[in-house]
Amino acid sequence: MNSILASAFVHSSEKGSSQSLAQEIANPLTTMIMVPVQYEYNENIGPDDKGTRHNVFVQPIIPFELNDDWNLITRTIVPFIDQQDIFPGSGTQSGMGDITESLFFSPTQAVDGWWIHGFGPVFQFDSATDDYLGLDEHGIGLSYVGLTVYGPVTWGFLINHIYSAEGSLGDTYSNTFFQPFYHYTTEWAMTFELTSESNYNWNEDQWSIPVTLTASQYFEVGDQALLLGGGFKYSTAKT
């Protein structure tokens, strides 16, 4: 069982109701600049279930208007990790993990008036400060995200596939990440999210399927918009 606490810090000049702004923050293809910061605690990890890990993910999202028809949305994930005993005799490691950079080219108009989507390359940089904190090789792949908004509900999915890029493509790792999500935002601007950050390791023929439930409240402090919340993650057994 894992516990997770997420915080999103947003700066935007956009106007609207608290509910609509809370929904916009939950949109992975938002045209607002924001910097989510997520803390995650994990226990019972590793082959003998004795490991613990603290993660802090800094995830700036910066959109660019390319022209009247297209936006480019950059999503960066910078992980900071502190972990202990993830493998027998591995000891303790602290530092930065591998940075992931996704570039989504997204039409300004929804497809058929309801389907919002974006696609583009994803890069994984060998930036880990310790061998146990990363995959020890650069990676490259493709990513797609699609969603729709219906009243207070936002649902959709994100999928990417990343190959190790040094030597033979995919020789070290070949991973598919799939994240379906369902958000419900109340009139008082609280967003409940149910999601799964599933990963399939093609080299080892293995699935990892954690399920996460969170609740986040939108509010404003001066001109600064904030979304603060927390929740729980349950990791199913690897198959």
C-alpha atoms as a PDB file:
ATOM      1  CA  MET A   1       0.000   0.000   0.000  1.00  0.00           C
ATOM      2  CA  ASN A   2       1.351   3.428  -0.945  1.00  0.00           C
ATOM      3  CA  SER A   3       0.252   6.873   0.192  1.00  0.00           C
ATOM      4  CA  ILE A   4       0.492   9.917  -2.032  1.00  0.00           C
ATOM      5  CA  LEU A   5       0.164  13.664  -1.464  1.00  0.00           C
ATOM      6  CA  ALA A   6      -0.067  15.946  -4.476  1.00  0.00           C
ATOM      7  CA  SER A   7       0.126  19.738  -4.732  1.00  0.00           C
ATOM      8  CA  ALA A   8      -0.270  21.889  -7.850  1.00  0.00           C
ATOM      9  CA  PHE A   9       0.828  25.525  -7.962  1.00  0.00           C
ATOM     10  CA  VAL A  10      -0.662  27.463 -10.835  1.00  0.00           C
ATOM     11  CA  HIS A  11      -0.214  30.993 -12.125  1.00  0.00           C
ATOM     12  CA  SER A  12      -2.675  32.152 -14.743  1.00  0.00           C
ATOM     13  CA  SER A  13      -4.358  35.309 -15.943  1.00  0.00           C
ATOM     14  CA  GLU A  14      -7.389  33.368 -17.128  1.00  0.00           C
ATOM     15  CA  LYS A  15     -10.765  34.187 -15.608  1.00  0.00           C
ATOM     16  CA  GLY A  16     -13.671  31.920 -14.880  1.00  0.00           C
ATOM     17  CA  SER A  17     -15.525  30.143 -12.137  1.00  0.00           C
ATOM     18  CA  SER A  18     -13.558  28.204  -9.533  1.00  0.00           C
ATOM     19  CA  GLN A  19     -15.091  25.001 -10.879  1.00  0.00           C
ATOM     20  CA  SER A  20     -14.058  25.685 -14.486  1.00  0.00           C
ATOM     21  CA  LEU A  21     -10.534  26.680 -13.443  1.00  0.00           C
ATOM     22  CA  ALA A  22     -10.196  23.551 -11.295  1.00  0.00           C
ATOM     23  CA  GLN A  23     -11.222  21.471 -14.321  1.00  0.00           C
ATOM     24  CA  GLU A  24      -8.732  23.311 -16.528  1.00  0.00           C
ATOM     25  CA  ILE A  25      -5.940  22.481 -14.085  1.00  0.00           C
ATOM     26  CA  ALA A  26      -6.907  18.800 -14.275  1.00  0.00           C
ATOM     27  CA  ASN A  27      -6.662  18.927 -18.082  1.00  0.00           C
ATOM     28  CA  PRO A  28      -3.262  17.492 -19.173  1.00  0.00           C
ATOM     29  CA  LEU A  29      -3.463  19.688 -22.302  1.00  0.00           C
ATOM     30  CA  THR A  30      -4.216  22.891 -20.414  1.00  0.00           C
ATOM     31  CA  THR A  31      -3.122  26.158 -22.008  1.00  0.00           C
ATOM     32  CA  MET A  32      -2.297  27.580 -18.575  1.00  0.00           C
ATOM     33  CA  ILE A  33       1.245  27.671 -17.267  1.00  0.00           C
ATOM     34  CA  MET A  34       1.487  25.631 -14.077  1.00  0.00           C
ATOM     35  CA  VAL A  35       3.989  23.798 -11.913  1.00  0.00           C
ATOM     36  CA  PRO A  36       2.540  20.765 -10.129  1.00  0.00           C
ATOM     37  CA  VAL A  37       4.635  19.402  -7.257  1.00  0.00           C
ATOM     38  CA  GLN A  38       3.784  15.891  -6.102  1.00  0.00           C
ATOM     39  CA  TYR A  39       5.066  14.015  -3.066  1.00  0.00           C
ATOM     40  CA  GLU A  40       4.724  10.233  -2.962  1.00  0.00           C
ATOM     41  CA  TYR A  41       5.653   7.740  -0.283  1.00  0.00           C
ATOM     42  CA  ASN A  42       6.030   4.057  -1.127  1.00  0.00           C
ATOM     43  CA  GLU A  43       6.672   1.108   1.154  1.00  0.00           C
ATOM     44  CA  ASN A  44       6.948  -2.673   0.805  1.00  0.00           C
ATOM     45  CA  ILE A  45       8.849  -2.398  -2.497  1.00  0.00           C
ATOM     46  CA  GLY A  46      11.617  -4.547  -3.924  1.00  0.00           C
ATOM     47  CA  PRO A  47      11.997  -8.327  -4.251  1.00  0.00           C
ATOM     48  CA  ASP A  48      11.736  -8.884  -0.487  1.00  0.00           C
ATOM     49  CA  ASP A  49       9.115  -6.139   0.160  1.00  0.00           C
ATOM     50  CA  LYS A  50      11.427  -4.346   2.622  1.00  0.00           C
ATOM     51  CA  GLY A  51      12.203  -1.209   0.638  1.00  0.00           C
ATOM     52  CA  THR A  52      10.861   2.316   1.137  1.00  0.00           C
ATOM     53  CA  ARG A  53      10.964   5.287  -1.215  1.00  0.00           C
ATOM     54  CA  HIS A  54      10.107   8.993  -0.992  1.00  0.00           C
ATOM     55  CA  ASN A  55       9.532  10.750  -4.328  1.00  0.00           C
ATOM     56  CA  VAL A  56       9.077  14.447  -5.070  1.00  0.00           C
ATOM     57  CA  PHE A  57       8.061  15.143  -8.673  1.00  0.00           C
ATOM     58  CA  VAL A  58       8.397  18.701 -10.010  1.00  0.00           C
ATOM     59  CA  GLN A  59       6.343  18.855 -13.218  1.00  0.00           C
ATOM     60  CA  PRO A  60       6.280  22.235 -15.020  1.00  0.00           C
ATOM     61  CA  ILE A  61       3.754  22.520 -17.855  1.00  0.00           C
ATOM     62  CA  ILE A  62       4.388  25.299 -20.381  1.00  0.00           C
ATOM     63  CA  PRO A  63       2.130  25.827 -23.431  1.00  0.00           C
ATOM     64  CA  PHE A  64       3.137  27.654 -26.623  1.00  0.00           C
ATOM     65  CA  GLU A  65       0.770  28.972 -29.277  1.00  0.00           C
ATOM     66  CA  LEU A  66       2.271  27.915 -32.612  1.00  0.00           C
ATOM     67  CA  ASN A  67      -0.477  29.402 -34.804  1.00  0.00           C
ATOM     68  CA  ASP A  68      -4.264  29.722 -34.929  1.00  0.00           C
ATOM     69  CA  ASP A  69      -4.655  25.951 -35.316  1.00  0.00           C
ATOM     70  CA  TRP A  70      -1.979  24.362 -33.121  1.00  0.00           C
ATOM     71  CA  ASN A  71      -0.492  24.583 -29.638  1.00  0.00           C
ATOM     72  CA  LEU A  72       2.677  22.973 -28.333  1.00  0.00           C
ATOM     73  CA  ILE A  73       2.453  21.868 -24.715  1.00  0.00           C
ATOM     74  CA  THR A  74       5.634  20.838 -22.916  1.00  0.00           C
ATOM     75  CA  ARG A  75       5.414  18.613 -19.851  1.00  0.00           C
ATOM     76  CA  THR A  76       8.592  17.981 -17.861  1.00  0.00           C
ATOM     77  CA  ILE A  77       8.904  15.543 -14.943  1.00  0.00           C
ATOM     78  CA  VAL A  78      11.913  16.048 -12.660  1.00  0.00           C
ATOM     79  CA  PRO A  79      12.019  13.388  -9.893  1.00  0.00           C
ATOM     80  CA  PHE A  80      13.871  13.745  -6.597  1.00  0.00           C
ATOM     81  CA  ILE A  81      14.185  10.428  -4.770  1.00  0.00           C
ATOM     82  CA  ASP A  82      15.182   9.149  -1.354  1.00  0.00           C
ATOM     83  CA  GLN A  83      15.077   5.367  -1.002  1.00  0.00           C
ATOM     84  CA  GLN A  84      16.290   2.581   1.227  1.00  0.00           C
ATOM     85  CA  ASP A  85      16.735  -1.187   0.815  1.00  0.00           C
ATOM     86  CA  ILE A  86      14.990  -1.486  -2.540  1.00  0.00           C
ATOM     87  CA  PHE A  87      17.254  -4.476  -3.188  1.00  0.00           C
ATOM     88  CA  PRO A  88      18.992  -6.659  -0.578  1.00  0.00           C
ATOM     89  CA  GLY A  89      22.212  -4.911   0.384  1.00  0.00           C
ATOM     90  CA  SER A  90      21.537  -1.831  -1.759  1.00  0.00           C
ATOM     91  CA  GLY A  91      21.564   0.579   1.188  1.00  0.00           C
ATOM     92  CA  THR A  92      20.288   4.155   0.892  1.00  0.00           C
ATOM     93  CA  GLN A  93      20.315   6.512  -2.105  1.00  0.00           C
ATOM     94  CA  SER A  94      19.207  10.143  -2.407  1.00  0.00           C
ATOM     95  CA  GLY A  95      19.252  12.470  -5.389  1.00  0.00           C
ATOM     96  CA  MET A  96      17.687  13.200  -8.755  1.00  0.00           C
ATOM     97  CA  GLY A  97      16.253  10.509 -11.018  1.00  0.00           C
ATOM     98  CA  ASP A  98      15.824  10.414 -14.800  1.00  0.00           C
ATOM     99  CA  ILE A  99      14.078  13.475 -16.286  1.00  0.00           C
ATOM    100  CA  THR A 100      11.200  12.873 -18.724  1.00  0.00           C
ATOM    101  CA  GLU A 101      10.231  15.497 -21.315  1.00  0.00           C
ATOM    102  CA  SER A 102       7.020  15.185 -23.367  1.00  0.00           C
ATOM    103  CA  LEU A 103       6.087  17.485 -26.263  1.00  0.00           C
ATOM    104  CA  PHE A 104       2.411  17.472 -27.241  1.00  0.00           C
ATOM    105  CA  PHE A 105       1.260  19.057 -30.491  1.00  0.00           C
ATOM    106  CA  SER A 106      -2.421  19.763 -29.877  1.00  0.00           C
ATOM    107  CA  PRO A 107      -5.092  21.244 -32.201  1.00  0.00           C
ATOM    108  CA  THR A 108      -6.722  24.374 -30.790  1.00  0.00           C
ATOM    109  CA  GLN A 109     -10.154  23.011 -31.734  1.00  0.00           C
ATOM    110  CA  ALA A 110     -11.535  19.754 -30.342  1.00  0.00           C
ATOM    111  CA  VAL A 111     -12.106  16.960 -32.863  1.00  0.00           C
ATOM    112  CA  ASP A 112     -15.837  16.813 -33.691  1.00  0.00           C
ATOM    113  CA  GLY A 113     -16.332  19.374 -30.939  1.00  0.00           C
ATOM    114  CA  TRP A 114     -15.661  16.972 -28.054  1.00  0.00           C
ATOM    115  CA  TRP A 115     -12.345  15.070 -28.315  1.00  0.00           C
ATOM    116  CA  ILE A 116      -9.269  17.049 -27.189  1.00  0.00           C
ATOM    117  CA  HIS A 117      -5.955  15.408 -27.991  1.00  0.00           C
ATOM    118  CA  GLY A 118      -2.230  15.877 -28.433  1.00  0.00           C
ATOM    119  CA  PHE A 119       0.703  13.805 -29.652  1.00  0.00           C
ATOM    120  CA  GLY A 120       4.449  14.044 -30.043  1.00  0.00           C
ATOM    121  CA  PRO A 121       7.853  12.776 -28.967  1.00  0.00           C
ATOM    122  CA  VAL A 122       8.881  11.881 -25.437  1.00  0.00           C
ATOM    123  CA  PHE A 123      12.474  11.903 -24.210  1.00  0.00           C
ATOM    124  CA  GLN A 124      13.979  10.301 -21.126  1.00  0.00           C
ATOM    125  CA  PHE A 125      17.315  11.715 -20.012  1.00  0.00           C
ATOM    126  CA  ASP A 126      19.939   9.740 -18.102  1.00  0.00           C
ATOM    127  CA  SER A 127      20.121  12.388 -15.379  1.00  0.00           C
ATOM    128  CA  ALA A 128      20.065  10.155 -12.295  1.00  0.00           C
ATOM    129  CA  THR A 129      22.719  10.981  -9.727  1.00  0.00           C
ATOM    130  CA  ASP A 130      22.988   7.322  -8.682  1.00  0.00           C
ATOM    131  CA  ASP A 131      22.713   4.085 -10.675  1.00  0.00           C
ATOM    132  CA  TYR A 132      19.884   2.891  -8.398  1.00  0.00           C
ATOM    133  CA  LEU A 133      17.846   6.060  -9.091  1.00  0.00           C
ATOM    134  CA  GLY A 134      17.493   5.682 -12.876  1.00  0.00           C
ATOM    135  CA  LEU A 135      17.717   3.435 -15.912  1.00  0.00           C
ATOM    136  CA  ASP A 136      21.316   4.414 -16.773  1.00  0.00           C
ATOM    137  CA  GLU A 137      20.526   5.185 -20.413  1.00  0.00           C
ATOM    138  CA  HIS A 138      18.789   7.854 -22.497  1.00  0.00           C
ATOM    139  CA  GLY A 139      15.401   6.972 -23.973  1.00  0.00           C
ATOM    140  CA  ILE A 140      13.149   8.126 -26.798  1.00  0.00           C
ATOM    141  CA  GLY A 141       9.602   7.371 -27.861  1.00  0.00           C
ATOM    142  CA  LEU A 142       6.144   8.655 -28.735  1.00  0.00           C
ATOM    143  CA  SER A 143       3.291   9.880 -26.558  1.00  0.00           C
ATOM    144  CA  TYR A 144      -0.437  10.524 -27.019  1.00  0.00           C
ATOM    145  CA  VAL A 145      -3.079  12.005 -24.737  1.00  0.00           C
ATOM    146  CA  GLY A 146      -6.797  12.322 -25.423  1.00  0.00           C
ATOM    147  CA  LEU A 147      -9.702  13.492 -23.286  1.00  0.00           C
ATOM    148  CA  THR A 148     -13.175  14.932 -23.234  1.00  0.00           C
ATOM    149  CA  VAL A 149     -15.022  17.212 -20.842  1.00  0.00           C
ATOM    150  CA  TYR A 150     -18.715  16.611 -20.158  1.00  0.00           C
ATOM    151  CA  GLY A 151     -20.174  18.886 -17.509  1.00  0.00           C
ATOM    152  CA  PRO A 152     -18.227  18.310 -14.281  1.00  0.00           C
ATOM    153  CA  VAL A 153     -16.560  15.153 -15.672  1.00  0.00           C
ATOM    154  CA  THR A 154     -13.194  14.938 -17.439  1.00  0.00           C
ATOM    155  CA  TRP A 155     -12.050  11.551 -18.671  1.00  0.00           C
ATOM    156  CA  GLY A 156      -9.407  10.272 -21.025  1.00  0.00           C
ATOM    157  CA  PHE A 157      -6.053   8.562 -21.190  1.00  0.00           C
ATOM    158  CA  LEU A 158      -2.336   9.125 -21.736  1.00  0.00           C
ATOM    159  CA  ILE A 159      -0.108   6.542 -23.356  1.00  0.00           C
ATOM    160  CA  ASN A 160       3.554   6.516 -24.299  1.00  0.00           C
ATOM    161  CA  HIS A 161       6.233   4.059 -25.237  1.00  0.00           C
ATOM    162  CA  ILE A 162       9.909   4.697 -24.521  1.00  0.00           C
ATOM    163  CA  TYR A 163      12.872   2.732 -25.872  1.00  0.00           C
ATOM    164  CA  SER A 164      16.414   2.927 -24.540  1.00  0.00           C
ATOM    165  CA  ALA A 165      18.306   4.861 -27.209  1.00  0.00           C
ATOM    166  CA  GLU A 166      21.962   3.906 -26.780  1.00  0.00           C
ATOM    167  CA  GLY A 167      23.300   0.943 -28.707  1.00  0.00           C
ATOM    168  CA  SER A 168      20.443  -1.102 -30.184  1.00  0.00           C
ATOM    169  CA  LEU A 169      17.076   0.660 -29.832  1.00  0.00           C
ATOM    170  CA  GLY A 170      15.214  -0.837 -26.884  1.00  0.00           C
ATOM    171  CA  ASP A 171      18.041  -3.188 -25.955  1.00  0.00           C
ATOM    172  CA  THR A 172      18.224  -2.030 -22.313  1.00  0.00           C
ATOM    173  CA  TYR A 173      14.550  -1.199 -21.775  1.00  0.00           C
ATOM    174  CA  SER A 174      11.307  -0.983 -23.716  1.00  0.00           C
ATOM    175  CA  ASN A 175       8.403   0.293 -21.612  1.00  0.00           C
ATOM    176  CA  THR A 176       4.770   1.150 -22.373  1.00  0.00           C
ATOM    177  CA  PHE A 177       3.039   3.531 -19.957  1.00  0.00           C
ATOM    178  CA  PHE A 178      -0.775   3.712 -19.949  1.00  0.00           C
ATOM    179  CA  GLN A 179      -2.718   6.106 -17.721  1.00  0.00           C
ATOM    180  CA  PRO A 180      -6.520   6.184 -17.983  1.00  0.00           C
ATOM    181  CA  PHE A 181      -8.045   8.907 -15.800  1.00  0.00           C
ATOM    182  CA  TYR A 182     -11.456  10.043 -14.588  1.00  0.00           C
ATOM    183  CA  HIS A 183     -11.982  13.425 -12.868  1.00  0.00           C
ATOM    184  CA  TYR A 184     -15.117  14.765 -11.240  1.00  0.00           C
ATOM    185  CA  THR A 185     -15.102  18.441 -10.197  1.00  0.00           C
ATOM    186  CA  THR A 186     -17.752  19.684  -7.773  1.00  0.00           C
ATOM    187  CA  GLU A 187     -19.412  23.104  -7.740  1.00  0.00           C
ATOM    188  CA  TRP A 188     -17.146  24.050  -4.819  1.00  0.00           C
ATOM    189  CA  ALA A 189     -14.085  23.286  -6.980  1.00  0.00           C
ATOM    190  CA  MET A 190     -12.960  20.022  -5.410  1.00  0.00           C
ATOM    191  CA  THR A 191     -11.693  17.485  -7.925  1.00  0.00           C
ATOM    192  CA  PHE A 192     -11.806  13.746  -7.302  1.00  0.00           C
ATOM    193  CA  GLU A 193      -9.527  11.692  -9.540  1.00  0.00           C
ATOM    194  CA  LEU A 194      -9.352   7.966 -10.183  1.00  0.00           C
ATOM    195  CA  THR A 195      -6.426   6.850 -12.314  1.00  0.00           C
ATOM    196  CA  SER A 196      -4.040   3.993 -12.993  1.00  0.00           C
ATOM    197  CA  GLU A 197      -0.375   4.525 -13.951  1.00  0.00           C
ATOM    198  CA  SER A 198       0.153   1.136 -15.579  1.00  0.00           C
ATOM    199  CA  ASN A 199       3.498   0.121 -17.030  1.00  0.00           C
ATOM    200  CA  TYR A 200       4.413  -2.837 -19.219  1.00  0.00           C
ATOM    201  CA  ASN A 201       8.059  -3.910 -19.422  1.00  0.00           C
ATOM    202  CA  TRP A 202       8.437  -5.643 -22.792  1.00  0.00           C
ATOM    203  CA  ASN A 203      11.921  -6.953 -22.082  1.00  0.00           C
ATOM    204  CA  GLU A 204      10.757  -8.763 -18.950  1.00  0.00           C
ATOM    205  CA  ASP A 205       7.145  -9.382 -20.072  1.00  0.00           C
ATOM    206  CA  GLN A 206       5.817  -7.822 -16.862  1.00  0.00           C
ATOM    207  CA  TRP A 207       2.906  -5.515 -15.934  1.00  0.00           C
ATOM    208  CA  SER A 208       2.783  -3.119 -12.987  1.00  0.00           C
ATOM    209  CA  ILE A 209      -0.734  -1.746 -12.368  1.00  0.00           C
ATOM    210  CA  PRO A 210      -1.109   0.735  -9.493  1.00  0.00           C
ATOM    211  CA  VAL A 211      -4.491   2.424  -8.895  1.00  0.00           C
ATOM    212  CA  THR A 212      -4.661   5.927  -7.396  1.00  0.00           C
ATOM    213  CA  LEU A 213      -7.542   7.849  -5.811  1.00  0.00           C
ATOM    214  CA  THR A 214      -7.021  11.528  -4.927  1.00  0.00           C
ATOM    215  CA  ALA A 215      -9.036  14.603  -3.929  1.00  0.00           C
ATOM    216  CA  SER A 216      -7.796  18.160  -4.547  1.00  0.00           C
ATOM    217  CA  GLN A 217      -9.292  21.537  -3.599  1.00  0.00           C
ATOM    218  CA  TYR A 218      -8.899  24.666  -5.729  1.00  0.00           C
ATOM    219  CA  PHE A 219      -8.517  28.069  -4.052  1.00  0.00           C
ATOM    220  CA  GLU A 220      -6.803  31.403  -4.607  1.00  0.00           C
ATOM    221  CA  VAL A 221      -4.335  33.402  -2.529  1.00  0.00           C
ATOM    222  CA  GLY A 222      -4.164  36.857  -4.034  1.00  0.00           C
ATOM    223  CA  ASP A 223      -3.441  36.392  -7.751  1.00  0.00           C
ATOM    224  CA  GLN A 224      -2.007  32.922  -7.149  1.00  0.00           C
ATOM    225  CA  ALA A 225      -4.236  29.951  -7.903  1.00  0.00           C
ATOM    226  CA  LEU A 226      -3.546  26.784  -5.913  1.00  0.00           C
ATOM    227  CA  LEU A 227      -4.749  23.204  -6.057  1.00  0.00           C
ATOM    228  CA  LEU A 228      -3.854  21.169  -2.970  1.00  0.00           C
ATOM    229  CA  GLY A 229      -4.817  17.613  -2.215  1.00  0.00           C
ATOM    230  CA  GLY A 230      -3.829  14.073  -1.408  1.00  0.00           C
ATOM    231  CA  GLY A 231      -4.888  10.477  -1.675  1.00  0.00           C
ATOM    232  CA  PHE A 232      -3.817   6.855  -1.808  1.00  0.00           C
ATOM    233  CA  LYS A 233      -2.214   4.511  -4.289  1.00  0.00           C
ATOM    234  CA  TYR A 234      -2.647   0.753  -4.262  1.00  0.00           C
ATOM    235  CA  SER A 235      -0.097  -1.269  -6.227  1.00  0.00           C
ATOM    236  CA  THR A 236      -1.388  -4.553  -7.531  1.00  0.00           C
ATOM    237  CA  ALA A 237       0.991  -7.489  -7.752  1.00  0.00           C
ATOM    238  CA  LYS A 238       3.268  -7.528 -10.792  1.00  0.00           C
ATOM    239  CA  THR A 239       2.188 -10.019 -13.411  1.00  0.00           C
END
